[in-house]
Amino acid sequence: MTFMIRKLALLVSVLLFSVVYIYAQGINRASIPLVKENPKIDALLDKFVKLGDPAKSCFVLYADPIGGLYGLTVKGVKTDTSILNLSFLKYKAPFGYFKYKKYLVFVVNTYDLFNFFEPTPHNKTFSYRLKSAGNDKYFCSADYNYPIGQFDKMTFSDPVSMTAIRAEAVAEDKKIDSLLDKYVGLNDPGKSSFLLSSYLVNSEYSISINGLRTDTSLLNMNVFSRKTSLGYFRYKGYLAIVKLYADPYHFFIRQGSSKTFRFEWDERKTEDKELNPLGQMFCYNTYYRDKNGNFNSSVIFDMIPQKDH
């Protein structure tokens, strides 16, 4: 009996050691210098500190000091702060770190001409795991340049942080359905949706259709801001979001109810040409309404991928 107990205890010890050993595999360590940041860096971080949780996320600053031009990308990354999931740590680059309002902040490429990150004699060792490319989860991402003594936001690549936006239920005109019919078979309605934008310029009405590959529970699409009047409807299994800038011909009739959608806009995720030559769009076109009330396609803008044969 005593022998069996000892054998069982030995087996448990071996199993525990194996679990710990397997878990420890893949954990790397990096010694990173502590830096003192410039107050202008704090001012940038102030725009985003309320969007994340300092216990479950951190900031990564990517500095791009090329010649007399200086750019800075601010990313809020969701990660376990005890064992970081940050793939950039595997690269050979001048790194730095500092703490700001309980957030851990990493700097990639601390060299600059403006003393934004002053070195100190202190270092700290961080444990991290490498994540596969493209799996990073961000709670914010923004780009800035520094041309004349101040950081200017580059709005074309500054995504809107994840937010909840309400859209009104609308009933679309059959002419809208006929436009969508050209694209409904090109993608999976469970993993994509349509974004429609209507315009009225000099009495000329047009509507753009974007077919977007996106998680339908967390929509990655550019809806600009909460002030944008949004509508939604479903067609042949697809979710369609409508930016209602103008609708003088009542192509979208409001139904009196609304629904909350979660949006996240990341331009790099949407327009990554290396991962996908068409970005995350599976179709795009703009249609103009002629004097007879018919929609004419702007063929030069029509983007439809070739189907596999």
Protein backbone atom coordinates (compact mmCIF):
# COMPACT_ATOMS: atom_id res chain seq x y z
CA MET A 1 0.00 0.00 0.00
CA THR A 2 2.83 2.38 0.95
CA PHE A 3 4.59 1.50 -2.29
CA MET A 4 1.46 2.38 -4.32
CA ILE A 5 1.12 5.73 -2.54
CA ARG A 6 4.75 6.59 -3.28
CA LYS A 7 4.30 5.55 -6.89
CA LEU A 8 1.17 7.66 -7.21
CA ALA A 9 2.94 10.66 -5.61
CA LEU A 10 5.84 10.25 -8.03
CA LEU A 11 3.45 10.11 -10.98
CA VAL A 12 1.67 13.30 -9.85
CA SER A 13 5.02 15.06 -9.42
CA VAL A 14 6.08 14.06 -12.94
CA LEU A 15 2.78 15.26 -14.39
CA LEU A 16 3.04 18.61 -12.59
CA PHE A 17 6.62 19.03 -13.76
CA SER A 18 5.56 18.24 -17.34
CA VAL A 19 2.75 20.81 -17.24
CA VAL A 20 5.08 23.47 -15.85
CA TYR A 21 7.76 22.58 -18.40
CA ILE A 22 5.35 22.71 -21.33
CA TYR A 23 3.89 26.01 -20.11
CA ALA A 24 7.36 27.47 -19.73
CA GLN A 25 8.25 26.65 -23.31
CA GLY A 26 7.94 29.62 -25.58
CA ILE A 27 8.48 32.18 -22.81
CA ASN A 28 11.23 34.64 -23.72
CA ARG A 29 12.86 37.42 -21.75
CA ALA A 30 14.08 40.84 -22.79
CA SER A 31 16.03 43.41 -20.79
CA ILE A 32 14.76 46.87 -21.71
CA PRO A 33 16.11 50.26 -20.56
CA LEU A 34 13.94 52.64 -18.63
CA VAL A 35 13.45 55.98 -20.40
CA LYS A 36 12.06 59.33 -19.30
CA GLU A 37 9.38 60.55 -21.66
CA ASN A 38 8.72 64.11 -22.79
CA PRO A 39 5.47 65.77 -21.59
CA LYS A 40 4.35 65.93 -25.24
CA ILE A 41 4.27 62.13 -25.24
CA ASP A 42 2.10 62.16 -22.11
CA ALA A 43 -0.29 64.52 -23.89
CA LEU A 44 -0.72 61.99 -26.70
CA LEU A 45 -1.32 59.12 -24.30
CA ASP A 46 -3.94 61.16 -22.44
CA LYS A 47 -6.18 60.81 -25.50
CA PHE A 48 -6.32 57.03 -25.06
CA VAL A 49 -5.79 56.10 -21.40
CA LYS A 50 -9.53 55.76 -20.73
CA LEU A 51 -10.01 53.28 -23.56
CA GLY A 52 -8.06 50.38 -22.06
CA ASP A 53 -7.37 48.58 -18.80
CA PRO A 54 -3.79 49.04 -17.48
CA ALA A 55 -3.96 45.60 -15.83
CA LYS A 56 -4.80 43.88 -19.13
CA SER A 57 -3.16 46.07 -21.75
CA CYS A 58 -0.23 48.31 -22.52
CA PHE A 59 0.86 50.96 -25.00
CA VAL A 60 3.44 50.50 -27.73
CA LEU A 61 4.96 53.57 -29.39
CA TYR A 62 6.60 53.06 -32.77
CA ALA A 63 8.95 55.95 -33.51
CA ASP A 64 10.01 56.65 -37.09
CA PRO A 65 12.82 59.23 -37.08
CA ILE A 66 13.95 59.42 -40.71
CA GLY A 67 16.16 62.38 -41.55
CA GLY A 68 14.46 65.58 -40.47
CA LEU A 69 11.03 63.90 -40.46
CA TYR A 70 9.66 62.31 -37.32
CA GLY A 71 6.57 60.16 -37.02
CA LEU A 72 5.06 58.31 -34.09
CA THR A 73 2.45 55.55 -34.01
CA VAL A 74 0.54 54.99 -30.77
CA LYS A 75 -0.98 51.56 -30.28
CA GLY A 76 -2.94 50.27 -27.32
CA VAL A 77 -2.44 46.50 -27.17
CA LYS A 78 -4.60 44.08 -25.21
CA THR A 79 -2.20 41.66 -23.50
CA ASP A 80 -1.50 39.87 -20.24
CA THR A 81 0.89 42.26 -18.52
CA SER A 82 2.60 39.49 -16.51
CA ILE A 83 3.67 37.54 -19.60
CA LEU A 84 3.39 39.88 -22.55
CA ASN A 85 2.12 38.78 -25.95
CA LEU A 86 4.21 41.19 -28.01
CA SER A 87 5.93 39.90 -31.12
CA PHE A 88 7.97 43.05 -31.78
CA LEU A 89 10.28 42.22 -28.84
CA LYS A 90 12.01 39.57 -30.97
CA TYR A 91 13.48 42.24 -33.25
CA LYS A 92 16.80 44.00 -32.76
CA ALA A 93 15.83 47.60 -32.16
CA PRO A 94 16.58 50.31 -29.59
CA PHE A 95 13.77 49.68 -27.10
CA GLY A 96 12.69 51.63 -24.06
CA TYR A 97 9.91 51.49 -21.50
CA PHE A 98 8.25 53.73 -18.95
CA LYS A 99 5.11 53.83 -16.82
CA TYR A 100 2.32 56.34 -17.31
CA LYS A 101 -0.90 56.44 -15.28
CA LYS A 102 -0.45 52.77 -14.31
CA TYR A 103 0.09 51.76 -17.94
CA LEU A 104 3.22 50.00 -19.10
CA VAL A 105 4.50 51.80 -22.21
CA PHE A 106 7.06 50.37 -24.64
CA VAL A 107 8.96 52.43 -27.18
CA VAL A 108 10.30 50.88 -30.38
CA ASN A 109 13.20 52.95 -31.72
CA THR A 110 14.09 55.42 -29.00
CA TYR A 111 16.52 57.37 -31.17
CA ASP A 112 15.25 60.83 -32.09
CA LEU A 113 16.40 64.42 -32.51
CA PHE A 114 13.91 65.92 -30.08
CA ASN A 115 14.72 64.10 -26.80
CA PHE A 116 11.26 62.57 -26.52
CA PHE A 117 12.76 59.55 -24.71
CA GLU A 118 15.78 60.26 -22.53
CA PRO A 119 17.78 57.19 -21.46
CA THR A 120 18.32 56.34 -17.78
CA PRO A 121 20.82 53.90 -16.19
CA HIS A 122 18.02 51.51 -15.15
CA ASN A 123 16.84 48.33 -16.91
CA LYS A 124 14.07 45.80 -16.36
CA THR A 125 13.61 42.24 -17.63
CA PHE A 126 10.21 41.42 -19.17
CA SER A 127 8.78 37.98 -19.94
CA TYR A 128 6.94 37.61 -23.21
CA ARG A 129 5.49 35.13 -25.66
CA LEU A 130 5.63 35.50 -29.42
CA LYS A 131 2.27 35.78 -31.12
CA SER A 132 1.63 34.93 -34.74
CA ALA A 133 1.48 37.99 -36.99
CA GLY A 134 -1.92 39.59 -37.36
CA ASN A 135 -3.32 38.33 -34.06
CA ASP A 136 -2.70 41.48 -32.04
CA LYS A 137 -5.78 43.01 -30.43
CA TYR A 138 -5.79 46.80 -30.20
CA PHE A 139 -7.97 49.13 -28.17
CA CYS A 140 -6.56 52.17 -30.00
CA SER A 141 -4.22 53.01 -32.84
CA ALA A 142 -3.22 56.42 -34.18
CA ASP A 143 -0.46 57.98 -36.28
CA TYR A 144 1.19 61.35 -35.77
CA ASN A 145 3.92 63.37 -37.44
CA TYR A 146 6.03 66.12 -35.92
CA PRO A 147 6.70 68.79 -38.56
CA ILE A 148 6.90 72.11 -36.70
CA GLY A 149 7.30 71.54 -32.99
CA GLN A 150 3.97 69.82 -32.33
CA PHE A 151 2.39 66.45 -33.02
CA ASP A 152 -0.16 66.56 -35.82
CA LYS A 153 -2.64 63.71 -36.08
CA MET A 154 -2.68 61.92 -39.43
CA THR A 155 -6.43 61.51 -39.66
CA PHE A 156 -6.38 59.19 -42.66
CA SER A 157 -4.90 56.39 -40.54
CA ASP A 158 -6.35 57.25 -37.13
CA PRO A 159 -8.99 54.61 -36.43
CA VAL A 160 -12.03 55.11 -34.30
CA SER A 161 -11.69 53.07 -31.11
CA MET A 162 -14.14 50.26 -30.51
CA THR A 163 -17.46 51.74 -29.61
CA ALA A 164 -21.15 50.97 -29.61
CA ILE A 165 -23.27 52.88 -32.11
CA ARG A 166 -27.01 52.63 -32.59
CA ALA A 167 -28.44 52.28 -36.07
CA GLU A 168 -32.08 52.64 -37.05
CA ALA A 169 -33.85 49.79 -38.74
CA VAL A 170 -34.73 50.74 -42.33
CA ALA A 171 -36.61 49.07 -45.15
CA GLU A 172 -34.72 49.39 -48.42
CA ASP A 173 -36.20 50.07 -51.86
CA LYS A 174 -36.19 47.21 -54.38
CA LYS A 175 -33.74 49.23 -56.50
CA ILE A 176 -31.23 48.92 -53.66
CA ASP A 177 -31.80 45.15 -53.63
CA SER A 178 -31.07 45.01 -57.35
CA LEU A 179 -27.72 46.72 -56.78
CA LEU A 180 -26.78 44.27 -54.03
CA ASP A 181 -27.76 41.26 -56.15
CA LYS A 182 -24.56 41.71 -58.14
CA TYR A 183 -22.45 41.06 -55.04
CA VAL A 184 -24.38 38.79 -52.66
CA GLY A 185 -22.72 35.59 -53.90
CA LEU A 186 -19.14 36.79 -53.56
CA ASN A 187 -18.64 36.20 -49.85
CA ASP A 188 -19.96 34.52 -46.73
CA PRO A 189 -22.75 36.59 -45.10
CA GLY A 190 -21.65 35.22 -41.71
CA LYS A 191 -18.17 36.76 -42.14
CA SER A 192 -18.90 39.88 -44.15
CA SER A 193 -21.36 42.73 -44.56
CA PHE A 194 -22.19 45.67 -46.80
CA LEU A 195 -21.57 49.34 -46.07
CA LEU A 196 -23.69 51.73 -48.14
CA SER A 197 -23.04 55.48 -48.29
CA SER A 198 -25.46 57.87 -49.96
CA TYR A 199 -24.57 61.36 -51.23
CA LEU A 200 -26.36 64.34 -52.72
CA VAL A 201 -24.09 66.88 -54.48
CA ASN A 202 -25.47 69.60 -56.77
CA SER A 203 -28.81 67.77 -56.99
CA GLU A 204 -27.00 64.61 -58.19
CA TYR A 205 -27.63 61.52 -56.09
CA SER A 206 -25.14 58.68 -55.78
CA ILE A 207 -24.65 55.67 -53.57
CA SER A 208 -21.49 53.68 -52.86
CA ILE A 209 -21.47 49.99 -51.99
CA ASN A 210 -18.60 48.39 -50.08
CA GLY A 211 -18.55 44.67 -49.42
CA LEU A 212 -16.37 44.22 -46.32
CA ARG A 213 -14.85 41.11 -44.81
CA THR A 214 -15.52 41.59 -41.12
CA ASP A 215 -16.50 39.76 -37.98
CA THR A 216 -20.23 40.45 -37.87
CA SER A 217 -20.22 40.53 -34.05
CA LEU A 218 -17.51 43.24 -34.01
CA LEU A 219 -17.73 45.22 -37.23
CA ASN A 220 -14.45 46.56 -38.66
CA MET A 221 -15.73 49.36 -40.88
CA ASN A 222 -15.24 53.09 -41.14
CA VAL A 223 -18.37 54.78 -39.81
CA PHE A 224 -16.45 58.01 -39.11
CA SER A 225 -18.13 59.15 -35.91
CA ARG A 226 -21.08 58.76 -33.61
CA LYS A 227 -22.70 61.77 -35.25
CA THR A 228 -23.13 59.86 -38.49
CA SER A 229 -26.78 58.96 -39.05
CA LEU A 230 -26.83 55.18 -39.52
CA GLY A 231 -29.42 52.72 -40.67
CA TYR A 232 -29.34 48.97 -41.13
CA PHE A 233 -31.23 46.19 -42.86
CA ARG A 234 -30.65 42.58 -43.84
CA TYR A 235 -30.74 41.20 -47.35
CA LYS A 236 -30.31 37.53 -48.28
CA GLY A 237 -28.51 36.82 -45.03
CA TYR A 238 -26.19 39.85 -45.27
CA LEU A 239 -26.10 42.70 -42.80
CA ALA A 240 -26.12 46.07 -44.55
CA ILE A 241 -25.14 49.26 -42.71
CA VAL A 242 -26.25 52.53 -44.34
CA LYS A 243 -24.64 55.93 -43.79
CA LEU A 244 -27.64 58.17 -44.32
CA TYR A 245 -26.02 61.42 -45.41
CA ALA A 246 -28.88 62.15 -47.79
CA ASP A 247 -31.94 60.23 -48.90
CA PRO A 248 -34.20 62.59 -50.86
CA TYR A 249 -35.77 59.74 -52.84
CA HIS A 250 -36.64 57.67 -49.75
CA PHE A 251 -34.67 54.59 -50.71
CA PHE A 252 -34.47 53.80 -46.99
CA ILE A 253 -37.67 54.03 -44.96
CA ARG A 254 -37.17 54.27 -41.19
CA GLN A 255 -38.99 51.54 -39.27
CA GLY A 256 -39.09 53.19 -35.84
CA SER A 257 -36.79 50.73 -34.06
CA SER A 258 -33.02 50.65 -33.57
CA LYS A 259 -30.20 48.26 -32.64
CA THR A 260 -26.77 48.65 -31.03
CA PHE A 261 -23.75 47.52 -33.06
CA ARG A 262 -20.14 47.36 -31.96
CA PHE A 263 -17.69 49.01 -34.34
CA GLU A 264 -13.91 48.99 -34.55
CA TRP A 265 -11.99 50.74 -37.33
CA ASP A 266 -8.38 49.85 -38.09
CA GLU A 267 -7.17 51.05 -41.47
CA ARG A 268 -4.11 48.83 -41.45
CA LYS A 269 -6.32 45.81 -40.83
CA THR A 270 -8.68 46.87 -43.58
CA GLU A 271 -6.15 47.83 -46.23
CA ASP A 272 -3.33 45.32 -45.71
CA LYS A 273 -2.39 44.70 -49.35
CA GLU A 274 0.29 42.15 -48.45
CA LEU A 275 -2.20 39.90 -46.68
CA ASN A 276 -4.89 40.46 -49.27
CA PRO A 277 -4.42 42.25 -52.64
CA LEU A 278 -8.00 43.53 -52.36
CA GLY A 279 -7.61 44.59 -48.77
CA GLN A 280 -10.60 43.50 -46.68
CA MET A 281 -13.10 44.61 -49.34
CA PHE A 282 -14.60 41.96 -51.57
CA CYS A 283 -16.39 44.49 -53.76
CA TYR A 284 -16.75 48.22 -54.30
CA ASN A 285 -18.71 50.43 -56.66
CA THR A 286 -20.48 53.78 -56.88
CA TYR A 287 -23.81 54.23 -58.66
CA TYR A 288 -25.35 57.46 -59.94
CA ARG A 289 -29.07 58.09 -60.32
CA ASP A 290 -29.95 59.47 -63.74
CA LYS A 291 -32.89 61.76 -64.65
CA ASN A 292 -35.09 58.72 -65.31
CA GLY A 293 -34.52 57.39 -61.80
CA ASN A 294 -32.23 54.53 -62.86
CA PHE A 295 -28.88 53.72 -61.28
CA ASN A 296 -25.86 53.79 -63.58
CA SER A 297 -22.69 51.99 -62.56
CA SER A 298 -19.36 53.82 -62.46
CA VAL A 299 -17.63 50.96 -64.18
CA ILE A 300 -14.16 52.47 -63.80
CA PHE A 301 -14.57 52.16 -60.03
CA ASP A 302 -16.21 48.73 -60.06
CA MET A 303 -14.08 46.27 -58.11
CA ILE A 304 -15.19 42.65 -58.20
CA PRO A 305 -12.66 39.84 -57.66
CA GLN A 306 -12.47 37.01 -60.17
CA LYS A 307 -14.17 33.87 -58.92
CA ASP A 308 -12.10 30.70 -58.62
CA HIS A 309 -12.76 28.15 -61.34
